[in-house]
């Protein structure tokens, strides 16, 4: 490795808004994040699924006329 070209790599603490802390190494010290794996809905299983059936039906109705014109041409 070349001398004096690499940033200072030090131990740091990553703190989440939920209170969870992670100890790791980084070029920054004391990183604060708003959401982490301990409180993110995807990882906790509390994810809410949006009803996409209404969106799909709306899309189908909107472009049904375009499909019929394309087939007849």
C-alpha atoms as a PDB file:
ATOM      1  CA  UNK A   1       0.000   0.000   0.000  1.00  0.00           C
ATOM      2  CA  UNK A   2       1.157   3.501  -0.696  1.00  0.00           C
ATOM      3  CA  UNK A   3       1.742   5.662   2.338  1.00  0.00           C
ATOM      4  CA  UNK A   4      -0.353   8.773   3.109  1.00  0.00           C
ATOM      5  CA  UNK A   5      -3.052   8.266   0.453  1.00  0.00           C
ATOM      6  CA  UNK A   6      -5.633   6.279   2.424  1.00  0.00           C
ATOM      7  CA  UNK A   7      -8.211   7.874   4.749  1.00  0.00           C
ATOM      8  CA  UNK A   8      -8.102   7.255   8.480  1.00  0.00           C
ATOM      9  CA  UNK A   9     -10.065   4.038   9.143  1.00  0.00           C
ATOM     10  CA  UNK A  10     -11.322   3.953  12.732  1.00  0.00           C
ATOM     11  CA  UNK A  11     -13.857   2.249  14.969  1.00  0.00           C
ATOM     12  CA  UNK A  12     -17.247   3.940  14.921  1.00  0.00           C
ATOM     13  CA  UNK A  13     -20.755   3.563  16.309  1.00  0.00           C
ATOM     14  CA  UNK A  14     -23.818   3.648  14.074  1.00  0.00           C
ATOM     15  CA  UNK A  15     -26.875   4.834  16.041  1.00  0.00           C
ATOM     16  CA  UNK A  16     -30.445   4.469  14.842  1.00  0.00           C
ATOM     17  CA  UNK A  17     -33.398   6.620  15.885  1.00  0.00           C
ATOM     18  CA  UNK A  18     -34.980   3.523  17.475  1.00  0.00           C
ATOM     19  CA  UNK A  19     -32.035   3.207  19.869  1.00  0.00           C
ATOM     20  CA  UNK A  20     -30.179   0.301  18.252  1.00  0.00           C
ATOM     21  CA  UNK A  21     -26.426   0.721  17.949  1.00  0.00           C
ATOM     22  CA  UNK A  22     -23.929  -1.095  15.754  1.00  0.00           C
ATOM     23  CA  UNK A  23     -20.173  -1.073  16.266  1.00  0.00           C
ATOM     24  CA  UNK A  24     -18.068  -1.235  13.117  1.00  0.00           C
ATOM     25  CA  UNK A  25     -15.194   0.492  11.348  1.00  0.00           C
ATOM     26  CA  UNK A  26     -15.506   3.424   8.986  1.00  0.00           C
ATOM     27  CA  UNK A  27     -13.832   6.631   7.851  1.00  0.00           C
ATOM     28  CA  UNK A  28     -16.529   8.611   9.712  1.00  0.00           C
ATOM     29  CA  UNK A  29     -17.149   8.671  13.458  1.00  0.00           C
ATOM     30  CA  UNK A  30     -20.522   8.311  15.173  1.00  0.00           C
ATOM     31  CA  UNK A  31     -22.943   7.870  12.276  1.00  0.00           C
ATOM     32  CA  UNK A  32     -26.638   8.529  12.980  1.00  0.00           C
ATOM     33  CA  UNK A  33     -29.322   6.924  10.789  1.00  0.00           C
ATOM     34  CA  UNK A  34     -33.091   7.308  10.777  1.00  0.00           C
ATOM     35  CA  UNK A  35     -33.990   3.663  10.150  1.00  0.00           C
ATOM     36  CA  UNK A  36     -32.111   0.378  10.461  1.00  0.00           C
ATOM     37  CA  UNK A  37     -32.675  -3.365  10.058  1.00  0.00           C
ATOM     38  CA  UNK A  38     -34.026  -3.605  13.610  1.00  0.00           C
ATOM     39  CA  UNK A  39     -36.907  -1.184  12.991  1.00  0.00           C
ATOM     40  CA  UNK A  40     -37.474  -1.244   9.205  1.00  0.00           C
ATOM     41  CA  UNK A  41     -40.920  -2.709   8.381  1.00  0.00           C
ATOM     42  CA  UNK A  42     -39.508  -5.028   5.706  1.00  0.00           C
ATOM     43  CA  UNK A  43     -37.183  -6.742   8.172  1.00  0.00           C
ATOM     44  CA  UNK A  44     -39.562  -6.776  11.144  1.00  0.00           C
ATOM     45  CA  UNK A  45     -42.398  -8.406   9.187  1.00  0.00           C
ATOM     46  CA  UNK A  46     -44.778  -5.504   9.736  1.00  0.00           C
ATOM     47  CA  UNK A  47     -44.717  -4.488   6.102  1.00  0.00           C
ATOM     48  CA  UNK A  48     -48.055  -3.280   4.780  1.00  0.00           C
ATOM     49  CA  UNK A  49     -48.973  -4.398   1.284  1.00  0.00           C
ATOM     50  CA  UNK A  50     -50.766  -1.853  -0.848  1.00  0.00           C
ATOM     51  CA  UNK A  51     -53.877  -3.080  -2.629  1.00  0.00           C
ATOM     52  CA  UNK A  52     -52.627  -3.215  -6.198  1.00  0.00           C
ATOM     53  CA  UNK A  53     -55.716  -4.926  -7.589  1.00  0.00           C
ATOM     54  CA  UNK A  54     -57.431  -1.591  -8.022  1.00  0.00           C
ATOM     55  CA  UNK A  55     -54.421  -0.178  -9.837  1.00  0.00           C
ATOM     56  CA  UNK A  56     -54.210  -3.134 -12.213  1.00  0.00           C
ATOM     57  CA  UNK A  57     -57.914  -2.946 -13.025  1.00  0.00           C
ATOM     58  CA  UNK A  58     -57.630   0.787 -13.630  1.00  0.00           C
ATOM     59  CA  UNK A  59     -54.660   0.218 -15.954  1.00  0.00           C
ATOM     60  CA  UNK A  60     -56.527  -2.522 -17.834  1.00  0.00           C
ATOM     61  CA  UNK A  61     -59.595  -0.317 -18.310  1.00  0.00           C
ATOM     62  CA  UNK A  62     -57.478   2.595 -19.472  1.00  0.00           C
ATOM     63  CA  UNK A  63     -55.546   0.649 -22.088  1.00  0.00           C
ATOM     64  CA  UNK A  64     -58.244  -1.839 -23.153  1.00  0.00           C
ATOM     65  CA  UNK A  65     -59.224   0.450 -26.021  1.00  0.00           C
ATOM     66  CA  UNK A  66     -55.632   0.719 -27.197  1.00  0.00           C
ATOM     67  CA  UNK A  67     -55.264  -3.084 -27.318  1.00  0.00           C
ATOM     68  CA  UNK A  68     -58.445  -3.549 -29.373  1.00  0.00           C
ATOM     69  CA  UNK A  69     -57.372  -0.856 -31.879  1.00  0.00           C
ATOM     70  CA  UNK A  70     -53.937  -2.437 -32.182  1.00  0.00           C
ATOM     71  CA  UNK A  71     -55.381  -5.905 -32.919  1.00  0.00           C
ATOM     72  CA  UNK A  72     -57.789  -4.624 -35.586  1.00  0.00           C
ATOM     73  CA  UNK A  73     -55.067  -2.698 -37.447  1.00  0.00           C
END
